[in-house]
Protein backbone atom coordinates (compact mmCIF):
# COMPACT_ATOMS: atom_id res chain seq x y z
CA UNK A 1 -20.47 -9.69 -12.87
CA UNK A 2 -17.73 -11.88 -11.41
CA UNK A 3 -14.56 -10.33 -10.04
CA UNK A 4 -11.46 -10.46 -12.27
CA UNK A 5 -8.54 -12.77 -11.53
CA UNK A 6 -6.25 -9.77 -11.15
CA UNK A 7 -6.84 -6.02 -10.81
CA UNK A 8 -4.30 -3.21 -10.76
CA UNK A 9 -5.24 -0.44 -8.32
CA UNK A 10 -3.39 2.85 -8.86
CA UNK A 11 -3.11 5.65 -6.30
CA UNK A 12 -2.73 8.72 -8.52
CA UNK A 13 -2.11 12.34 -7.64
CA UNK A 14 -1.08 14.14 -10.84
CA UNK A 15 1.19 11.51 -12.38
CA UNK A 16 0.92 10.50 -16.02
CA UNK A 17 -0.74 7.09 -15.84
CA UNK A 18 -0.83 6.43 -19.59
CA UNK A 19 1.41 3.42 -18.89
CA UNK A 20 -1.57 1.57 -17.41
CA UNK A 21 -3.10 1.21 -20.88
CA UNK A 22 -0.16 -1.00 -21.88
CA UNK A 23 -0.66 -3.52 -19.10
CA UNK A 24 -3.47 -5.42 -20.77
CA UNK A 25 -5.02 -5.94 -17.34
CA UNK A 26 -8.05 -4.51 -15.52
CA UNK A 27 -7.04 -1.21 -13.92
CA UNK A 28 -8.77 1.00 -11.36
CA UNK A 29 -7.29 4.48 -10.92
CA UNK A 30 -8.21 6.49 -7.83
CA UNK A 31 -7.54 10.17 -8.49
CA UNK A 32 -6.42 12.57 -5.77
CA UNK A 33 -5.64 15.47 -8.11
CA UNK A 34 -8.77 17.39 -7.17
CA UNK A 35 -10.51 16.68 -10.47
CA UNK A 36 -14.10 15.45 -10.14
CA UNK A 37 -14.94 11.88 -11.00
CA UNK A 38 -16.44 8.64 -9.77
CA UNK A 39 -13.08 7.49 -8.39
CA UNK A 40 -11.96 10.87 -7.04
CA UNK A 41 -10.69 10.83 -3.46
CA UNK A 42 -9.51 13.57 -1.11
CA UNK A 43 -5.74 14.01 -1.17
CA UNK A 44 -5.08 12.65 2.30
CA UNK A 45 -3.22 9.78 3.92
CA UNK A 46 -0.76 9.00 1.13
CA UNK A 47 -1.37 5.86 -0.95
CA UNK A 48 -2.33 3.98 2.22
CA UNK A 49 -5.64 5.85 2.32
CA UNK A 50 -6.28 4.89 -1.32
CA UNK A 51 -5.53 1.20 -0.84
CA UNK A 52 -7.61 0.92 2.32
CA UNK A 53 -10.50 2.76 0.66
CA UNK A 54 -10.45 0.25 -2.19
CA UNK A 55 -10.50 -2.70 0.20
CA UNK A 56 -13.35 -1.29 2.26
CA UNK A 57 -15.42 -0.51 -0.83
CA UNK A 58 -14.71 -3.79 -2.56
CA UNK A 59 -14.36 -6.19 0.37
CA UNK A 60 -17.13 -8.45 -0.89
CA UNK A 61 -16.08 -8.21 -4.56
CA UNK A 62 -12.28 -8.28 -4.58
CA UNK A 63 -10.28 -9.55 -7.50
CA UNK A 64 -8.53 -12.86 -6.98
CA UNK A 65 -5.29 -10.88 -6.77
CA UNK A 66 -4.89 -7.13 -6.37
CA UNK A 67 -1.84 -5.11 -7.38
CA UNK A 68 -1.50 -1.86 -5.43
CA UNK A 69 0.86 0.73 -6.90
CA UNK A 70 1.48 4.46 -6.93
CA UNK A 71 0.96 6.56 -10.04
CA UNK A 72 4.67 6.58 -10.98
CA UNK A 73 5.97 3.19 -9.84
CA UNK A 74 8.89 2.54 -12.15
CA UNK A 75 11.49 4.61 -10.30
CA UNK A 76 11.33 2.05 -7.50
CA UNK A 77 11.44 -1.04 -9.73
CA UNK A 78 14.48 -2.78 -11.21
CA UNK A 79 16.15 -0.74 -13.98
CA UNK A 80 14.61 -1.31 -17.38
CA UNK A 81 11.17 -2.27 -16.09
CA UNK A 82 8.43 -1.37 -18.56
CA UNK A 83 4.67 -1.55 -18.37
CA UNK A 84 4.83 -4.72 -20.46
CA UNK A 85 7.45 -6.44 -18.27
CA UNK A 86 5.57 -5.32 -15.17
CA UNK A 87 2.39 -6.92 -16.53
CA UNK A 88 4.26 -10.15 -17.25
CA UNK A 89 5.58 -10.24 -13.71
CA UNK A 90 2.04 -9.78 -12.40
CA UNK A 91 0.82 -12.66 -14.55
CA UNK A 92 3.72 -14.80 -13.38
CA UNK A 93 2.81 -14.10 -9.76
CA UNK A 94 -0.71 -15.31 -10.50
CA UNK A 95 0.57 -18.45 -12.24
CA UNK A 96 2.83 -19.22 -9.28
CA UNK A 97 -0.06 -18.80 -6.85
CA UNK A 98 1.71 -16.17 -4.79
CA UNK A 99 -0.27 -14.64 -1.94
CA UNK A 100 1.92 -11.62 -1.29
CA UNK A 101 5.02 -9.96 -2.72
CA UNK A 102 6.46 -6.51 -3.35
CA UNK A 103 7.63 -4.94 -6.61
CA UNK A 104 10.36 -2.59 -5.38
CA UNK A 105 13.98 -3.46 -6.19
CA UNK A 106 14.85 -3.34 -2.48
CA UNK A 107 13.68 -4.55 0.93
CA UNK A 108 14.41 -3.05 4.33
CA UNK A 109 14.35 -3.69 8.06
CA UNK A 110 13.26 -1.18 10.67
CA UNK A 111 12.47 -0.83 14.35
CA UNK A 112 9.28 0.39 16.03
CA UNK A 113 10.14 4.00 15.11
CA UNK A 114 10.76 3.12 11.47
CA UNK A 115 14.50 3.55 11.93
CA UNK A 116 16.68 3.64 9.92
CA UNK A 117 14.87 6.17 7.76
CA UNK A 118 15.56 9.44 5.97
CA UNK A 119 12.78 11.44 7.57
CA UNK A 120 15.14 13.10 10.05
CA UNK A 121 17.58 14.45 7.45
CA UNK A 122 17.80 18.23 7.92
CA UNK A 123 17.91 18.86 4.17
CA UNK A 124 14.46 17.33 3.81
CA UNK A 125 12.72 19.28 6.57
CA UNK A 126 9.78 21.29 5.35
CA UNK A 127 9.24 19.27 2.19
CA UNK A 128 6.42 17.34 3.85
CA UNK A 129 4.76 17.80 7.25
CA UNK A 130 6.20 14.51 8.56
CA UNK A 131 9.85 15.23 7.86
CA UNK A 132 11.89 15.60 11.01
CA UNK A 133 9.83 12.95 12.82
CA UNK A 134 10.04 9.20 13.26
CA UNK A 135 7.62 6.77 11.61
CA UNK A 136 5.19 5.32 14.20
CA UNK A 137 5.36 1.72 12.99
CA UNK A 138 5.07 0.21 16.46
CA UNK A 139 2.30 2.56 17.59
CA UNK A 140 0.16 1.85 14.52
CA UNK A 141 0.81 -1.89 14.88
CA UNK A 142 -0.44 -1.70 18.47
CA UNK A 143 -3.67 -0.05 17.32
CA UNK A 144 -4.31 -2.70 14.69
CA UNK A 145 -3.23 -6.05 16.11
CA UNK A 146 -3.53 -8.26 19.16
CA UNK A 147 -0.44 -9.36 21.05
CA UNK A 148 2.94 -7.77 21.73
CA UNK A 149 4.52 -5.33 19.30
CA UNK A 150 7.59 -6.76 17.52
CA UNK A 151 10.93 -5.07 18.05
CA UNK A 152 11.85 -5.30 14.37
CA UNK A 153 9.96 -5.35 11.08
CA UNK A 154 11.00 -6.83 7.74
CA UNK A 155 9.51 -4.67 4.99
CA UNK A 156 9.21 -6.79 1.86
CA UNK A 157 6.97 -4.39 -0.06
CA UNK A 158 8.44 -0.89 0.39
CA UNK A 159 7.46 2.13 -1.71
CA UNK A 160 3.78 1.18 -1.53
CA UNK A 161 3.92 -1.37 -4.36
CA UNK A 162 2.54 -4.82 -3.67
CA UNK A 163 0.70 -7.88 -4.96
CA UNK A 164 -1.76 -9.63 -2.64
CA UNK A 165 -4.35 -12.38 -2.99
CA UNK A 166 -7.94 -11.96 -1.89
CA UNK A 167 -7.35 -14.84 0.52
CA UNK A 168 -4.78 -12.78 2.40
CA UNK A 169 -6.92 -9.64 2.37
CA UNK A 170 -9.94 -11.53 3.69
CA UNK A 171 -7.91 -13.02 6.54
CA UNK A 172 -8.66 -9.71 8.27
CA UNK A 173 -12.31 -8.74 8.87
CA UNK A 174 -13.87 -5.72 7.19
CA UNK A 175 -13.89 -3.86 10.51
CA UNK A 176 -10.10 -4.18 10.60
CA UNK A 177 -9.81 -2.22 7.36
CA UNK A 178 -12.40 0.31 8.47
CA UNK A 179 -10.39 0.88 11.63
CA UNK A 180 -7.18 1.18 9.61
CA UNK A 181 -8.81 3.71 7.31
CA UNK A 182 -9.93 5.77 10.30
CA UNK A 183 -6.37 5.75 11.66
CA UNK A 184 -4.98 7.05 8.36
CA UNK A 185 -7.75 9.63 7.91
CA UNK A 186 -7.09 10.99 11.40
CA UNK A 187 -3.67 12.13 10.13
CA UNK A 188 -4.79 13.60 6.79
CA UNK A 189 -1.60 15.51 5.96
CA UNK A 190 0.55 12.63 7.23
CA UNK A 191 2.11 15.06 9.69
CA UNK A 192 2.63 12.15 12.06
CA UNK A 193 3.83 9.80 9.29
CA UNK A 194 0.87 7.49 9.89
CA UNK A 195 0.42 6.71 6.21
CA UNK A 196 4.13 6.02 5.97
CA UNK A 197 3.81 3.55 8.86
CA UNK A 198 1.31 1.52 6.83
CA UNK A 199 3.89 1.26 4.05
CA UNK A 200 6.09 -0.57 6.56
CA UNK A 201 3.21 -2.74 7.82
CA UNK A 202 1.67 -4.15 4.62
CA UNK A 203 3.62 -7.45 5.01
CA UNK A 204 2.06 -7.90 8.45
CA UNK A 205 -1.41 -6.78 7.41
CA UNK A 206 -1.38 -9.33 4.60
CA UNK A 207 0.55 -12.20 6.26
CA UNK A 208 -2.61 -14.29 6.76
CA UNK A 209 -1.99 -14.85 10.49
CA UNK A 210 -5.49 -14.64 11.95
CA UNK A 211 -4.11 -14.93 15.49
CA UNK A 212 -3.25 -11.24 15.21
CA UNK A 213 -6.91 -10.26 14.75
CA UNK A 214 -8.49 -8.61 17.74
């Protein structure tokens, strides 16, 4: 069976994902709720673990374009976004031949420590293991890519919501994604904010620049 032109990959914990039925597009839902199932995954590594797992499993059978989103994406999208309008935007991206874009209503810039960020806010400490710590964007970059680590990063797909072509995914070898998955899995509770660092690095991972490959 040939791969679809577009596939929506959802990283679900316990969110209500009934909205996916209104997309009218192929959807794959990876479930980290603890319920058994063919697409059940351990609840580790944030959505980064889910996305990387999908790429490793499907590297030779990727859709022409893959949409990666969390189970409850609309809070981070422009006000008034519905499943139907989201689906239309996805189809428009395909028509325009886009290779990569984000769906959040905002973009951000950060340094090698993910700053500015909200992880250090005292009121948030204890809510997740990584709160109170920086985001190791530069350190994870150094593990993944050849060449010097940039001082600054432009994050065009924050909140773990992105659209990427198979061409851009395949610009990195399968071993790259296996290595990335190992890096995320080594910090299963995201106590070191490793999964969060990948959220800042998706634009680099999928920029198509093969000179960065080791």
